[in-house]
Protein backbone atom coordinates (compact mmCIF):
# COMPACT_ATOMS: atom_id res chain seq x y z
CA MET A 1 4.12 28.42 -26.54
CA ASN A 2 6.08 25.51 -28.04
CA LEU A 3 5.05 23.19 -25.17
CA SER A 4 1.40 24.11 -25.74
CA ASN A 5 1.67 23.24 -29.43
CA SER A 6 3.34 19.93 -28.61
CA HIS A 7 0.52 19.09 -26.18
CA ARG A 8 -2.11 19.92 -28.82
CA ASP A 9 -0.30 17.76 -31.39
CA ASN A 10 -0.14 14.84 -28.94
CA ILE A 11 -3.87 15.07 -28.24
CA GLN A 12 -4.59 15.03 -31.97
CA GLU A 13 -2.86 11.63 -32.22
CA LEU A 14 -4.71 9.95 -29.34
CA GLN A 15 -6.91 6.99 -30.21
CA PHE A 16 -8.51 4.37 -27.96
CA THR A 17 -10.71 1.42 -28.93
CA MET A 18 -13.16 0.11 -26.36
CA HIS A 19 -15.97 -2.42 -26.31
CA GLU A 20 -19.21 -1.02 -24.94
CA LYS A 21 -22.70 -2.32 -24.51
CA ASN A 22 -25.68 -0.85 -26.26
CA ASP A 23 -28.86 -1.53 -24.29
CA LEU A 24 -31.64 -1.65 -26.85
CA ASP A 25 -34.10 -2.76 -24.22
CA ASP A 26 -33.93 -4.76 -21.00
CA GLN A 27 -33.20 -8.01 -22.80
CA ASP A 28 -31.02 -7.21 -25.80
CA GLU A 29 -27.47 -6.02 -25.42
CA ILE A 30 -25.19 -5.58 -28.36
CA GLU A 31 -21.48 -5.14 -27.91
CA LEU A 32 -20.08 -2.34 -30.02
CA GLU A 33 -16.49 -1.50 -30.80
CA VAL A 34 -16.20 2.22 -30.21
CA VAL A 35 -13.15 4.24 -31.21
CA TYR A 36 -12.43 7.34 -29.16
CA GLU A 37 -10.16 9.98 -30.60
CA GLN A 38 -8.38 13.07 -29.39
CA ARG A 39 -9.78 14.56 -26.16
CA LYS A 40 -12.57 11.97 -25.95
CA VAL A 41 -9.92 9.37 -25.04
CA PHE A 42 -9.54 11.00 -21.61
CA ARG A 43 -13.27 10.67 -20.96
CA ALA A 44 -13.28 6.99 -22.01
CA VAL A 45 -10.36 6.17 -19.70
CA PHE A 46 -12.04 8.07 -16.85
CA GLU A 47 -15.23 6.06 -17.36
CA GLN A 48 -13.22 2.84 -17.17
CA PHE A 49 -11.68 4.05 -13.91
CA ILE A 50 -15.15 4.80 -12.45
CA GLN A 51 -16.43 1.39 -13.56
CA CYS A 52 -13.44 -0.33 -11.93
CA ARG A 53 -13.89 1.64 -8.70
CA ASN A 54 -17.59 0.73 -8.60
CA GLU A 55 -16.81 -2.95 -9.15
CA ILE A 56 -14.28 -3.12 -6.30
CA LYS A 57 -16.20 -1.04 -3.71
CA GLN A 58 -17.74 -4.18 -2.30
CA PHE A 59 -14.33 -5.29 -1.00
CA PHE A 60 -14.16 -2.33 1.39
CA HIS A 61 -17.52 -2.67 3.16
CA GLY A 62 -17.28 -3.56 6.82
CA ILE A 63 -13.56 -4.27 7.03
CA SER A 64 -11.08 -2.58 9.33
CA TYR A 65 -8.24 -0.37 8.16
CA GLY A 66 -5.87 -3.10 9.38
CA ASP A 67 -7.48 -5.48 6.86
CA ILE A 68 -6.92 -2.96 4.06
CA TYR A 69 -3.45 -1.55 4.72
CA THR A 70 -0.09 -2.83 5.85
CA ILE A 71 0.86 -1.64 9.35
CA GLU A 72 3.71 0.45 7.94
CA HIS A 73 1.45 2.25 5.46
CA LEU A 74 -1.25 2.77 8.08
CA ASN A 75 1.34 4.36 10.39
CA PHE A 76 2.51 6.57 7.53
CA MET A 77 -1.07 7.69 6.86
CA ASN A 78 -1.57 8.46 10.57
CA GLU A 79 1.56 10.64 10.54
CA VAL A 80 0.39 12.51 7.42
CA GLU A 81 -3.03 13.05 8.98
CA GLN A 82 -1.64 14.34 12.27
CA HIS A 83 1.07 16.49 10.75
CA ASN A 84 -1.29 18.19 8.30
CA GLY A 85 -4.45 18.24 10.41
CA LEU A 86 -6.32 16.14 7.86
CA TYR A 87 -8.97 13.48 7.93
CA LEU A 88 -8.51 10.78 5.30
CA ASN A 89 -11.34 8.52 4.25
CA ARG A 90 -9.04 5.51 4.07
CA ARG A 91 -11.52 3.12 2.47
CA LEU A 92 -12.29 5.56 -0.35
CA LEU A 93 -8.62 6.42 -0.75
CA ALA A 94 -7.69 2.73 -1.11
CA ALA A 95 -10.53 2.06 -3.58
CA ILE A 96 -9.49 5.05 -5.72
CA ASP A 97 -5.80 4.14 -5.63
CA ILE A 98 -6.38 0.49 -6.51
CA ALA A 99 -8.89 1.35 -9.27
CA TYR A 100 -6.53 3.92 -10.76
CA CYS A 101 -3.59 1.50 -10.80
CA VAL A 102 -5.70 -1.29 -12.29
CA THR A 103 -7.03 1.07 -14.98
CA PHE A 104 -3.53 2.27 -15.79
CA TYR A 105 -1.65 -1.06 -15.74
CA GLY A 106 -4.45 -3.57 -16.43
CA VAL A 107 -4.69 -7.13 -15.13
CA SER A 108 -2.63 -8.93 -17.78
CA ALA A 109 0.29 -11.02 -16.49
CA GLU A 110 2.64 -8.06 -16.86
CA GLY A 111 0.13 -5.66 -15.29
CA VAL A 112 -0.36 -7.94 -12.29
CA THR A 113 3.42 -8.09 -11.73
CA ILE A 114 3.55 -4.29 -11.66
CA LEU A 115 0.47 -4.05 -9.42
CA GLU A 116 2.01 -6.53 -6.96
CA ARG A 117 5.12 -4.37 -6.73
CA ILE A 118 3.04 -1.23 -6.13
CA PHE A 119 0.49 -2.73 -3.74
CA LYS A 120 2.72 -4.94 -1.57
CA PRO A 121 4.09 -2.11 0.64
CA ARG A 122 0.66 -0.44 0.94
CA TYR A 123 -2.12 -3.00 1.13
CA SER A 124 -2.94 -6.31 2.73
CA GLY A 125 -1.90 -9.07 0.36
CA GLN A 126 -5.17 -10.88 0.96
CA LEU A 127 -7.18 -7.81 -0.08
CA TYR A 128 -5.33 -6.74 -3.20
CA ARG A 129 -4.92 -10.30 -4.47
CA ALA A 130 -8.65 -10.93 -4.00
CA ILE A 131 -9.44 -7.74 -5.96
CA ILE A 132 -7.03 -8.61 -8.78
CA ASN A 133 -8.35 -12.17 -9.02
CA TYR A 134 -11.91 -10.87 -9.02
CA LEU A 135 -11.19 -8.39 -11.83
CA ARG A 136 -9.38 -11.04 -13.85
CA LEU A 137 -12.56 -13.12 -13.79
CA LYS A 138 -14.54 -10.38 -15.51
CA PRO A 139 -16.03 -11.88 -18.68
CA THR A 140 -16.42 -10.22 -22.03
CA MET A 141 -19.82 -8.78 -22.83
CA ASN A 142 -20.43 -11.31 -25.57
CA SER A 143 -20.43 -14.19 -23.08
CA LYS A 144 -24.17 -14.91 -22.99
CA VAL A 145 -23.96 -17.17 -19.94
CA ILE A 146 -21.72 -15.36 -17.49
CA TRP A 147 -21.95 -11.66 -18.48
CA PRO A 148 -25.47 -11.25 -17.01
CA LEU A 149 -24.29 -12.93 -13.80
CA TRP A 150 -21.30 -10.59 -13.62
CA ARG A 151 -23.55 -7.56 -14.03
CA SER A 152 -25.80 -8.84 -11.25
CA LEU A 153 -22.91 -8.90 -8.74
CA ALA A 154 -23.26 -5.20 -7.96
CA ARG A 155 -26.93 -5.68 -7.03
CA ARG A 156 -26.22 -8.54 -4.60
CA ARG A 157 -26.27 -7.41 -0.98
CA SER A 158 -25.25 -10.75 0.44
CA ALA A 159 -21.55 -11.57 0.32
CA GLU A 160 -22.58 -15.23 0.21
CA LYS A 161 -24.57 -14.71 -3.01
CA ARG A 162 -21.75 -12.68 -4.58
CA ASN A 163 -19.28 -15.42 -3.66
CA LEU A 164 -21.53 -18.07 -5.22
CA ILE A 165 -21.69 -16.13 -8.49
CA VAL A 166 -17.91 -15.58 -8.53
CA GLN A 167 -17.34 -19.28 -7.79
CA TYR A 168 -19.73 -20.24 -10.61
CA ILE A 169 -17.91 -17.96 -13.07
CA TYR A 170 -14.60 -19.47 -11.98
CA ASP A 171 -15.97 -23.02 -12.34
CA TYR A 172 -17.51 -22.17 -15.72
CA ARG A 173 -14.20 -20.91 -17.05
CA ASN A 174 -12.28 -23.89 -15.66
CA SER A 175 -14.73 -26.41 -17.06
CA LYS A 176 -14.40 -24.92 -20.56
CA SER A 177 -17.88 -26.26 -21.11
CA ALA A 178 -20.97 -24.35 -22.03
CA LYS A 179 -22.94 -27.19 -20.42
CA LEU A 180 -22.31 -25.96 -16.88
CA ILE A 181 -25.63 -24.33 -15.98
CA TYR A 182 -26.03 -21.68 -13.29
CA PRO A 183 -28.67 -22.87 -10.83
CA GLN A 184 -31.36 -20.17 -10.75
CA SER A 185 -32.41 -21.11 -7.22
CA ARG A 186 -29.22 -19.55 -5.85
């Protein structure tokens, strides 16, 4: 009973501040600071996890398991599958694991150091570094120039078009100039 009371007390103290968009119509978006408290914190964190997973899914389309995992981890997964008579959807498993870790640790300098330590024995360095770099490029919602481009990434079917948008965002940030205009013909 004491453990249950302690859990309830801990939940009462939870608070999480998040920036969300409020779509008034198709053109106007207002960024709101929303404070989640108590049990609602769990829902907010879960929604961030889902958003992260959706943003990184594109990295797993059409690549082999060998391009996702290290050979050692792939062999380990094969042993687990065979020993337990399981089938693992390895692309989905990787996307969930990476999204969870990114949600938990974040992509700050310290978070990236921790993620590197976790991901290095499991995943291809090229894959997880590309995902981390991609997520670090994510702009804030109040960036009028690059936020709409970021949101359009998920709708782009062509990897070439997605890469052009990511390169533009990178160039925009490096130029530190609001004068760099995204060419609409792309």
